[in-house]
Protein backbone atom coordinates (compact mmCIF):
# COMPACT_ATOMS: atom_id res chain seq x y z
CA UNK A 1 178.40 174.65 80.33
CA UNK A 2 181.50 173.31 78.37
CA UNK A 3 183.75 170.67 79.81
CA UNK A 4 186.27 173.65 79.48
CA UNK A 5 184.49 175.73 82.11
CA UNK A 6 183.23 173.35 84.43
CA UNK A 7 183.69 175.16 87.89
CA UNK A 8 186.03 174.07 90.61
CA UNK A 9 183.20 171.55 92.34
CA UNK A 10 182.52 169.98 89.31
CA UNK A 11 184.21 166.48 88.23
CA UNK A 12 185.66 167.43 84.86
CA UNK A 13 182.27 168.71 83.85
CA UNK A 14 181.57 165.22 82.50
CA UNK A 15 177.85 164.65 81.56
CA UNK A 16 177.12 161.06 82.23
CA UNK A 17 173.67 161.40 83.72
CA UNK A 18 171.13 163.12 81.26
CA UNK A 19 173.83 165.75 79.63
CA UNK A 20 174.61 166.66 83.23
CA UNK A 21 177.65 165.96 85.67
CA UNK A 22 177.59 162.33 86.94
CA UNK A 23 177.78 163.91 90.60
CA UNK A 24 174.14 165.03 89.84
CA UNK A 25 173.34 161.53 89.91
CA UNK A 26 174.90 160.87 93.21
CA UNK A 27 173.16 163.58 95.01
CA UNK A 28 169.91 162.43 93.11
CA UNK A 29 170.11 159.25 94.80
CA UNK A 30 170.68 160.32 98.12
CA UNK A 31 168.06 163.07 98.24
CA UNK A 32 165.76 160.25 96.90
CA UNK A 33 166.57 157.59 99.30
CA UNK A 34 166.69 160.40 102.30
CA UNK A 35 162.78 161.41 101.15
CA UNK A 36 161.83 158.05 101.07
CA UNK A 37 163.05 157.43 104.41
CA UNK A 38 161.50 161.11 105.87
CA UNK A 39 158.27 160.56 104.31
CA UNK A 40 158.03 156.50 104.87
CA UNK A 41 158.09 157.52 108.07
CA UNK A 42 155.91 160.49 108.44
CA UNK A 43 153.28 158.90 106.59
CA UNK A 44 152.52 156.01 109.35
CA UNK A 45 153.68 158.54 112.43
CA UNK A 46 150.59 159.26 113.51
CA UNK A 47 148.84 156.79 112.63
CA UNK A 48 151.20 154.72 114.68
CA UNK A 49 151.17 156.77 117.81
CA UNK A 50 147.29 156.90 117.71
CA UNK A 51 146.77 153.09 117.24
CA UNK A 52 145.62 151.22 120.20
CA UNK A 53 148.46 149.51 122.22
CA UNK A 54 146.87 146.08 121.69
CA UNK A 55 147.85 147.07 117.88
CA UNK A 56 151.04 147.47 118.75
CA UNK A 57 150.90 151.65 118.74
CA UNK A 58 150.96 154.12 121.60
CA UNK A 59 146.98 155.04 121.98
CA UNK A 60 147.78 158.96 121.77
CA UNK A 61 144.73 160.89 121.52
CA UNK A 62 144.49 162.48 117.88
CA UNK A 63 144.95 165.89 119.56
CA UNK A 64 148.28 164.92 121.05
CA UNK A 65 149.77 162.83 118.32
CA UNK A 66 149.05 165.80 115.85
CA UNK A 67 150.52 168.15 117.96
CA UNK A 68 153.78 165.76 118.31
CA UNK A 69 153.71 165.48 114.46
CA UNK A 70 152.87 169.42 114.20
CA UNK A 71 156.33 170.23 116.34
CA UNK A 72 158.67 167.18 114.41
CA UNK A 73 158.13 169.02 111.14
CA UNK A 74 158.92 172.47 112.72
CA UNK A 75 161.98 171.15 114.50
CA UNK A 76 163.30 169.39 111.22
CA UNK A 77 162.95 172.39 109.09
CA UNK A 78 164.40 174.70 112.34
CA UNK A 79 167.54 172.75 112.24
CA UNK A 80 168.39 173.88 108.97
CA UNK A 81 169.64 177.13 110.19
CA UNK A 82 172.49 175.40 112.72
CA UNK A 83 172.87 172.80 110.25
CA UNK A 84 173.87 175.17 107.31
CA UNK A 85 175.97 177.09 109.64
CA UNK A 86 177.97 174.07 110.45
CA UNK A 87 178.41 173.05 107.21
CA UNK A 88 180.15 176.91 106.66
CA UNK A 89 182.18 176.86 109.40
CA UNK A 90 183.18 173.82 110.69
CA UNK A 91 182.49 170.73 108.23
CA UNK A 92 181.95 171.81 105.21
CA UNK A 93 178.76 170.68 102.97
CA UNK A 94 180.45 166.64 102.00
CA UNK A 95 180.96 166.04 105.28
CA UNK A 96 177.84 167.32 106.76
CA UNK A 97 175.60 165.26 104.25
CA UNK A 98 177.60 162.17 105.13
CA UNK A 99 177.11 162.66 108.98
CA UNK A 100 173.73 163.82 108.24
CA UNK A 101 173.03 160.77 106.72
CA UNK A 102 174.34 158.54 109.01
CA UNK A 103 172.55 160.20 112.15
CA UNK A 104 169.35 159.90 110.15
CA UNK A 105 169.75 156.30 109.15
CA UNK A 106 170.65 155.75 113.19
CA UNK A 107 167.26 157.41 114.07
CA UNK A 108 165.43 155.24 112.07
CA UNK A 109 166.68 151.91 112.80
CA UNK A 110 166.79 153.37 117.02
CA UNK A 111 162.43 153.68 115.80
CA UNK A 112 162.74 149.88 114.46
CA UNK A 113 162.92 148.56 118.10
CA UNK A 114 159.82 147.27 119.21
CA UNK A 115 159.45 149.96 122.81
CA UNK A 116 157.29 152.99 123.40
CA UNK A 117 160.30 154.75 123.98
CA UNK A 118 162.30 154.60 120.64
CA UNK A 119 159.74 156.60 118.91
CA UNK A 120 160.75 159.87 120.07
CA UNK A 121 164.66 159.10 120.74
CA UNK A 122 164.88 158.13 116.92
CA UNK A 123 162.40 161.45 115.96
CA UNK A 124 165.47 163.00 117.99
CA UNK A 125 167.89 161.66 116.18
CA UNK A 126 166.22 162.11 112.25
CA UNK A 127 165.61 165.98 113.41
CA UNK A 128 169.49 166.67 113.86
CA UNK A 129 170.19 164.13 110.92
CA UNK A 130 168.03 166.10 108.89
CA UNK A 131 169.80 169.69 109.74
CA UNK A 132 172.91 168.82 108.60
CA UNK A 133 171.93 166.84 105.27
CA UNK A 134 168.76 168.71 103.79
CA UNK A 135 170.24 172.66 103.25
CA UNK A 136 173.48 171.41 102.39
CA UNK A 137 172.99 168.62 99.85
CA UNK A 138 171.02 171.45 97.58
CA UNK A 139 174.26 173.63 97.92
CA UNK A 140 176.48 171.04 96.74
CA UNK A 141 173.72 170.62 93.98
CA UNK A 142 174.61 173.90 92.97
CA UNK A 143 178.30 173.61 93.02
CA UNK A 144 178.49 171.36 90.28
CA UNK A 145 177.92 174.37 87.96
CA UNK A 146 178.80 177.95 87.01
CA UNK A 147 176.41 180.64 88.54
CA UNK A 148 174.96 181.31 85.59
CA UNK A 149 175.11 177.89 83.37
CA UNK A 150 171.90 177.59 81.53
CA UNK A 151 172.16 173.78 82.66
CA UNK A 152 171.62 175.01 86.29
CA UNK A 153 168.10 175.07 86.55
CA UNK A 154 167.43 172.05 84.90
CA UNK A 155 170.07 170.35 87.15
CA UNK A 156 167.99 171.28 90.24
CA UNK A 157 164.59 170.06 88.14
CA UNK A 158 166.08 166.66 88.40
CA UNK A 159 167.19 166.65 91.46
CA UNK A 160 163.76 167.76 92.94
CA UNK A 161 162.02 164.88 91.04
CA UNK A 162 164.40 162.60 93.07
CA UNK A 163 162.12 164.36 96.09
CA UNK A 164 158.86 163.46 94.46
CA UNK A 165 159.66 159.96 93.28
CA UNK A 166 161.46 159.04 97.00
CA UNK A 167 158.06 160.72 98.33
CA UNK A 168 155.83 158.50 96.25
CA UNK A 169 157.06 155.63 96.73
CA UNK A 170 157.58 155.57 100.58
CA UNK A 171 153.73 155.36 101.47
CA UNK A 172 153.30 152.52 99.28
CA UNK A 173 155.94 150.22 101.27
CA UNK A 174 156.35 151.58 104.65
CA UNK A 175 152.50 151.98 104.48
CA UNK A 176 151.73 148.38 103.61
CA UNK A 177 155.00 146.81 106.02
CA UNK A 178 153.66 149.25 109.27
CA UNK A 179 149.46 149.08 109.00
CA UNK A 180 149.81 145.54 107.36
CA UNK A 181 152.12 143.85 109.53
CA UNK A 182 154.10 145.47 112.12
CA UNK A 183 154.57 149.31 112.95
CA UNK A 184 158.39 149.19 113.74
CA UNK A 185 158.63 146.63 110.36
CA UNK A 186 157.52 149.89 108.69
CA UNK A 187 159.60 152.11 110.36
CA UNK A 188 162.73 149.49 109.63
CA UNK A 189 161.97 150.22 105.75
CA UNK A 190 162.83 153.66 106.15
CA UNK A 191 165.82 153.04 107.72
CA UNK A 192 167.20 150.42 104.94
CA UNK A 193 166.02 153.47 102.76
CA UNK A 194 168.52 155.33 104.63
CA UNK A 195 170.88 153.12 104.79
CA UNK A 196 171.13 152.82 100.96
CA UNK A 197 171.68 156.83 100.84
CA UNK A 198 174.62 156.49 102.53
CA UNK A 199 176.40 153.89 101.00
CA UNK A 200 175.43 155.38 97.38
CA UNK A 201 176.88 158.48 98.31
CA UNK A 202 179.89 157.49 99.53
CA UNK A 203 180.14 154.73 96.91
CA UNK A 204 179.23 157.89 94.17
CA UNK A 205 181.46 160.52 96.15
CA UNK A 206 184.25 160.37 93.90
CA UNK A 207 182.27 161.59 90.96
CA UNK A 208 181.66 164.80 92.98
CA UNK A 209 185.37 166.57 92.42
CA UNK A 210 186.02 169.34 95.23
CA UNK A 211 181.99 169.93 95.57
CA UNK A 212 181.18 170.43 98.99
CA UNK A 213 185.07 169.38 100.65
CA UNK A 214 185.91 172.19 102.64
CA UNK A 215 184.00 175.14 104.53
CA UNK A 216 182.91 178.59 102.78
CA UNK A 217 184.07 180.57 105.95
CA UNK A 218 185.58 177.59 108.20
CA UNK A 219 185.62 179.14 111.60
CA UNK A 220 190.24 179.20 112.77
CA UNK A 221 192.09 179.39 116.09
CA UNK A 222 190.83 181.12 119.25
CA UNK A 223 187.37 181.93 116.77
CA UNK A 224 186.77 177.86 116.25
CA UNK A 225 187.26 177.54 120.12
CA UNK A 226 184.71 180.33 121.16
CA UNK A 227 181.89 178.89 118.60
CA UNK A 228 182.81 175.05 120.24
CA UNK A 229 182.67 176.19 123.85
CA UNK A 230 179.46 177.99 123.07
CA UNK A 231 177.67 174.89 121.31
CA UNK A 232 179.07 172.65 124.50
CA UNK A 233 177.40 175.29 126.68
CA UNK A 234 173.88 175.18 124.77
CA UNK A 235 173.58 171.32 124.45
CA UNK A 236 174.72 171.19 128.28
CA UNK A 237 172.14 174.33 129.48
CA UNK A 238 169.49 171.45 127.13
CA UNK A 239 170.49 168.88 129.20
CA UNK A 240 169.83 170.54 132.31
CA UNK A 241 166.72 171.36 131.50
CA UNK A 242 165.70 168.47 130.78
CA UNK A 243 166.97 166.78 133.47
CA UNK A 244 164.61 169.61 135.73
CA UNK A 245 161.84 168.33 134.10
CA UNK A 246 162.10 165.05 134.53
CA UNK A 247 162.92 165.72 138.32
CA UNK A 248 159.82 167.59 138.50
CA UNK A 249 157.56 165.39 136.68
CA UNK A 250 156.72 167.87 133.88
CA UNK A 251 159.14 166.03 131.10
CA UNK A 252 155.50 165.00 129.25
CA UNK A 253 154.83 164.60 125.97
CA UNK A 254 152.56 167.37 125.83
CA UNK A 255 155.12 169.69 127.80
CA UNK A 256 158.14 169.81 125.01
CA UNK A 257 155.60 170.02 122.02
CA UNK A 258 154.75 173.12 123.88
CA UNK A 259 158.43 174.32 124.61
CA UNK A 260 159.24 173.23 121.36
CA UNK A 261 156.41 175.38 119.83
CA UNK A 262 157.50 178.40 121.61
CA UNK A 263 160.97 178.01 120.81
CA UNK A 264 160.35 177.99 117.35
CA UNK A 265 158.36 180.98 117.49
CA UNK A 266 160.95 182.77 119.50
CA UNK A 267 163.48 182.11 117.46
CA UNK A 268 161.69 183.80 114.30
CA UNK A 269 160.96 186.84 115.85
CA UNK A 270 164.58 187.11 117.51
CA UNK A 271 165.55 186.33 114.14
CA UNK A 272 164.10 189.55 112.01
CA UNK A 273 164.48 191.84 114.65
CA UNK A 274 167.92 191.42 114.36
CA UNK A 275 167.50 191.87 110.46
CA UNK A 276 165.53 194.73 110.46
CA UNK A 277 166.68 196.65 113.21
CA UNK A 278 170.07 196.04 111.62
CA UNK A 279 171.28 200.11 110.97
CA UNK A 280 173.82 198.93 108.53
CA UNK A 281 171.02 197.70 105.97
CA UNK A 282 170.15 200.44 103.25
CA UNK A 283 167.00 201.73 103.27
CA UNK A 284 165.52 199.96 99.84
CA UNK A 285 166.73 196.36 102.10
CA UNK A 286 165.26 197.09 105.48
CA UNK A 287 161.87 197.90 103.08
CA UNK A 288 162.25 194.45 101.40
CA UNK A 289 162.94 192.78 104.13
CA UNK A 290 159.27 193.79 105.74
CA UNK A 291 158.07 193.37 102.19
CA UNK A 292 159.35 189.84 103.04
CA UNK A 293 157.99 189.79 106.48
CA UNK A 294 154.13 190.27 105.27
CA UNK A 295 155.20 187.11 102.89
CA UNK A 296 156.48 184.96 105.70
CA UNK A 297 152.96 185.41 107.51
CA UNK A 298 151.11 184.52 104.41
CA UNK A 299 153.69 181.17 104.07
CA UNK A 300 153.58 180.44 107.68
CA UNK A 301 149.52 180.51 107.23
CA UNK A 302 149.75 178.28 104.45
CA UNK A 303 151.90 175.60 105.66
CA UNK A 304 149.95 175.77 108.99
CA UNK A 305 146.85 174.14 106.74
CA UNK A 306 148.86 172.02 103.92
CA UNK A 307 151.10 169.69 106.30
CA UNK A 308 148.18 168.50 108.13
CA UNK A 309 147.54 166.45 105.36
CA UNK A 310 149.65 163.67 107.36
CA UNK A 311 147.96 164.30 110.47
CA UNK A 312 144.43 165.43 110.58
CA UNK A 313 144.01 164.01 107.15
CA UNK A 314 145.67 161.27 107.45
CA UNK A 315 143.53 160.03 110.73
CA UNK A 316 140.47 160.78 108.15
CA UNK A 317 141.73 158.42 105.81
CA UNK A 318 142.08 155.99 108.29
CA UNK A 319 139.00 156.18 109.73
CA UNK A 320 136.21 157.57 107.21
CA UNK A 321 137.26 156.53 103.79
CA UNK A 322 136.07 153.72 101.75
CA UNK A 323 139.76 151.72 101.05
CA UNK A 324 138.04 148.66 99.85
CA UNK A 325 139.59 147.88 96.06
CA UNK A 326 139.24 144.43 94.40
CA UNK A 327 138.86 142.70 97.74
CA UNK A 328 141.80 144.15 99.33
CA UNK A 329 141.74 147.02 101.86
CA UNK A 330 144.50 149.30 101.00
CA UNK A 331 146.57 151.11 103.77
CA UNK A 332 145.42 154.82 104.65
CA UNK A 333 149.15 155.94 104.39
CA UNK A 334 148.43 155.01 100.49
CA UNK A 335 146.98 158.18 100.14
CA UNK A 336 150.09 159.78 100.77
CA UNK A 337 151.69 159.08 97.43
CA UNK A 338 148.87 161.25 96.12
CA UNK A 339 150.90 164.40 96.42
CA UNK A 340 154.17 163.73 95.07
CA UNK A 341 152.71 162.69 91.64
CA UNK A 342 150.18 165.41 91.61
CA UNK A 343 153.26 167.95 92.43
CA UNK A 344 155.08 165.75 89.47
CA UNK A 345 152.23 166.32 87.09
CA UNK A 346 151.45 169.53 88.03
CA UNK A 347 154.68 171.65 87.92
CA UNK A 348 155.62 171.85 84.31
CA UNK A 349 152.56 173.00 83.91
CA UNK A 350 152.38 175.83 86.18
CA UNK A 351 156.22 176.50 85.51
CA UNK A 352 155.36 176.83 81.76
CA UNK A 353 152.33 179.51 83.17
CA UNK A 354 154.00 181.57 85.25
CA UNK A 355 156.75 182.04 82.00
CA UNK A 356 153.71 182.80 79.68
CA UNK A 357 152.60 185.23 82.57
CA UNK A 358 155.48 187.03 83.21
CA UNK A 359 154.83 189.89 85.71
CA UNK A 360 151.62 190.13 84.82
CA UNK A 361 150.94 188.19 88.07
CA UNK A 362 153.40 189.74 90.52
CA UNK A 363 154.57 187.88 93.98
CA UNK A 364 152.29 188.85 96.20
CA UNK A 365 148.84 187.89 94.24
CA UNK A 366 150.61 184.44 93.86
CA UNK A 367 150.97 183.86 97.51
CA UNK A 368 147.44 185.09 97.91
CA UNK A 369 146.49 182.37 95.39
CA UNK A 370 148.21 179.86 97.37
CA UNK A 371 146.14 180.81 100.30
CA UNK A 372 142.60 180.83 98.70
CA UNK A 373 143.53 177.15 97.62
CA UNK A 374 144.63 176.03 100.53
CA UNK A 375 141.77 177.41 102.19
CA UNK A 376 139.33 176.19 99.51
CA UNK A 377 141.02 172.28 99.97
CA UNK A 378 139.55 172.73 103.91
CA UNK A 379 136.46 173.47 102.41
CA UNK A 380 135.87 171.03 100.30
CA UNK A 381 137.53 168.73 103.34
CA UNK A 382 134.88 170.15 104.89
CA UNK A 383 132.42 168.09 102.54
CA UNK A 384 133.63 165.35 102.96
CA UNK A 385 133.56 165.22 106.69
CA UNK A 386 130.18 166.31 106.51
CA UNK A 387 129.30 163.21 104.34
CA UNK A 388 131.52 160.64 106.61
CA UNK A 389 129.02 162.11 109.60
CA UNK A 390 127.22 159.01 111.49
CA UNK A 391 130.45 156.75 110.13
CA UNK A 392 129.69 156.78 106.64
CA UNK A 393 132.61 155.25 105.00
CA UNK A 394 133.42 158.13 101.82
CA UNK A 395 135.33 157.67 98.70
CA UNK A 396 139.10 158.18 98.88
CA UNK A 397 138.38 160.24 96.10
CA UNK A 398 137.96 163.23 98.19
CA UNK A 399 140.69 163.36 99.69
CA UNK A 400 143.29 163.16 96.16
CA UNK A 401 140.83 166.20 95.33
CA UNK A 402 141.74 168.01 98.10
CA UNK A 403 145.45 167.31 97.79
CA UNK A 404 145.29 167.88 93.99
CA UNK A 405 143.76 171.57 95.01
CA UNK A 406 146.35 172.11 97.74
CA UNK A 407 149.19 171.09 95.44
CA UNK A 408 148.09 173.90 92.94
CA UNK A 409 148.41 176.41 96.04
CA UNK A 410 151.36 175.07 96.71
CA UNK A 411 152.72 175.99 93.53
CA UNK A 412 151.60 179.03 93.65
CA UNK A 413 153.52 179.73 97.04
CA UNK A 414 156.38 177.23 97.54
CA UNK A 415 158.98 177.65 94.48
CA UNK A 416 157.84 180.83 94.06
CA UNK A 417 158.79 181.93 97.68
CA UNK A 418 162.09 180.13 97.44
CA UNK A 419 162.79 182.33 94.31
CA UNK A 420 161.74 185.87 95.94
CA UNK A 421 163.83 184.51 98.97
CA UNK A 422 166.95 185.01 97.41
CA UNK A 423 165.49 188.62 95.33
CA UNK A 424 164.56 190.00 98.85
CA UNK A 425 168.09 189.16 100.45
CA UNK A 426 169.81 192.15 102.10
CA UNK A 427 174.04 191.63 100.48
CA UNK A 428 174.96 191.28 104.35
CA UNK A 429 172.38 188.10 104.77
CA UNK A 430 172.30 186.53 101.45
CA UNK A 431 173.20 183.49 102.78
CA UNK A 432 171.14 183.23 105.49
CA UNK A 433 167.59 184.38 103.74
CA UNK A 434 167.09 180.37 102.70
CA UNK A 435 167.24 179.56 106.47
CA UNK A 436 164.75 182.04 107.03
CA UNK A 437 162.26 180.82 104.66
CA UNK A 438 162.54 177.35 105.87
CA UNK A 439 161.52 178.80 109.42
CA UNK A 440 157.90 180.15 107.68
CA UNK A 441 157.71 176.02 107.39
CA UNK A 442 158.73 175.70 110.86
CA UNK A 443 156.35 178.36 111.97
CA UNK A 444 153.59 177.05 110.37
CA UNK A 445 153.88 173.38 111.26
CA UNK A 446 154.31 173.93 114.90
CA UNK A 447 152.14 176.14 115.30
CA UNK A 448 149.72 173.74 112.78
CA UNK A 449 150.50 171.30 115.52
CA UNK A 450 148.67 173.20 117.91
CA UNK A 451 145.72 174.04 116.16
CA UNK A 452 145.23 170.20 114.76
CA UNK A 453 144.53 169.87 119.04
CA UNK A 454 140.93 171.05 117.76
CA UNK A 455 140.20 168.86 115.37
CA UNK A 456 139.87 166.31 118.47
CA UNK A 457 137.34 168.41 119.84
CA UNK A 458 134.83 170.21 117.49
CA UNK A 459 133.06 168.13 114.87
CA UNK A 460 135.00 167.64 111.90
CA UNK A 461 132.94 169.57 109.08
CA UNK A 462 133.32 172.57 111.79
CA UNK A 463 136.93 172.24 112.29
CA UNK A 464 137.52 172.02 108.83
CA UNK A 465 135.20 174.35 107.33
CA UNK A 466 136.23 177.23 110.17
CA UNK A 467 139.95 177.20 109.42
CA UNK A 468 139.24 176.68 105.31
CA UNK A 469 137.39 180.10 105.12
CA UNK A 470 139.72 181.68 107.43
CA UNK A 471 142.89 180.75 105.07
CA UNK A 472 140.36 182.34 101.98
CA UNK A 473 139.43 185.53 103.88
CA UNK A 474 143.74 185.88 104.42
CA UNK A 475 144.52 185.03 101.13
CA UNK A 476 141.67 187.60 100.07
CA UNK A 477 143.18 190.35 102.66
CA UNK A 478 146.48 189.85 101.18
CA UNK A 479 145.11 190.87 97.54
CA UNK A 480 144.08 194.07 99.40
CA UNK A 481 147.99 194.71 100.27
CA UNK A 482 149.54 193.73 97.50
CA UNK A 483 150.18 197.00 96.12
CA UNK A 484 151.45 197.98 99.02
CA UNK A 485 153.55 195.32 99.52
CA UNK A 486 155.20 195.42 95.62
CA UNK A 487 155.89 199.31 96.91
CA UNK A 488 158.13 197.86 99.52
CA UNK A 489 159.54 195.11 97.59
CA UNK A 490 161.22 198.17 95.32
CA UNK A 491 161.35 197.12 91.67
CA UNK A 492 160.91 193.43 92.40
CA UNK A 493 158.33 191.14 91.17
């Protein structure tokens, strides 16, 4: 893209950031620090929830803490739907990202308060803020380029590098502060990271040009008033529900987790039904959505296992791994840094592999491979758990090997899923389909949090082997249906 063909959102088409618009640096650093705060808090969340009260934790069972962790992740992705709508219809992406960052920072600062209730109040704020920031900052990256610019994909690659840099550094810092000094100090470090994100976003805002300044489809007049009224009613209903649960004595952690899990699944069912039964869809579009439903189920099953890295596997790292190194016992949460560094190493290799294979390996086959690899990671985890039976401490290399297999599975499914979502999207639902993809993560995490309760009841080798083999079986079953799914995809590979 030359200076003369810069889109309206690009600040003069300048190339001051590795040959890309200077505004990309602003969004890169914002996302890096936001992911630092997110993954930093997430790395120590379950460890804090399960830590004994005498060490400053909440003393929850692993089962309850895993369910809380799962539904928290689910809500983060679920809120991307209303967050995208607010940006498109009310605030614009620019202000949505700013307000989202402010709310996220406030949530982390609340979690830094050394009281029992602060963690849940803080998590609520983080969920709401992330819903505003996460989907809209990616939209602004796209606004810096022409739609057909050859540098667009490279710009997104740089942007996603920021995600993994933040994800790599965060557990190292928050993990040490939280586990070695004070849990709430770890949460405070995440708050500082998010504050840096907001500050540099404001300071660097001048490089963003017109990107995200106005809503793409703004509500006006009576339509805007109706929408705001509905939002107010929804908030009031939610407040009344909380009040009823509190008065009846049912406002417990488990009740809220179960309700939010059910809500996530219900929203997904309604969303799919709305699209599949839309009579305005052409026959080919409806067939492609049926194909997408299969892929959605496979993706949800994948995230159900994959995102237990921060819950069940994190607890295993704390209780069952030998973390002594040169006279120092490193925090269990440090192993959470393995995933992003492995992605940084493997992503270019998989990108080159997909280019070389071309259409010889279809999207359904890649999804099936992702499920099989994900399952094999849990089979490997079962072997690690068996070696740890009787209180033996196993090498942390077991977990690193598990994460390496999972990353290979993720690179078979996650970026491919993002791509096929845009390809299979019906024309009239094009802007909503990315939210539907996030719903797959939300459903997987919500149900995965409930499934993880079994890790507290079953023997660990049995737990990992059961769900590992189930994922492998589902992946092999998916391979049997690839021809049918490809037929429904109607020429989309």
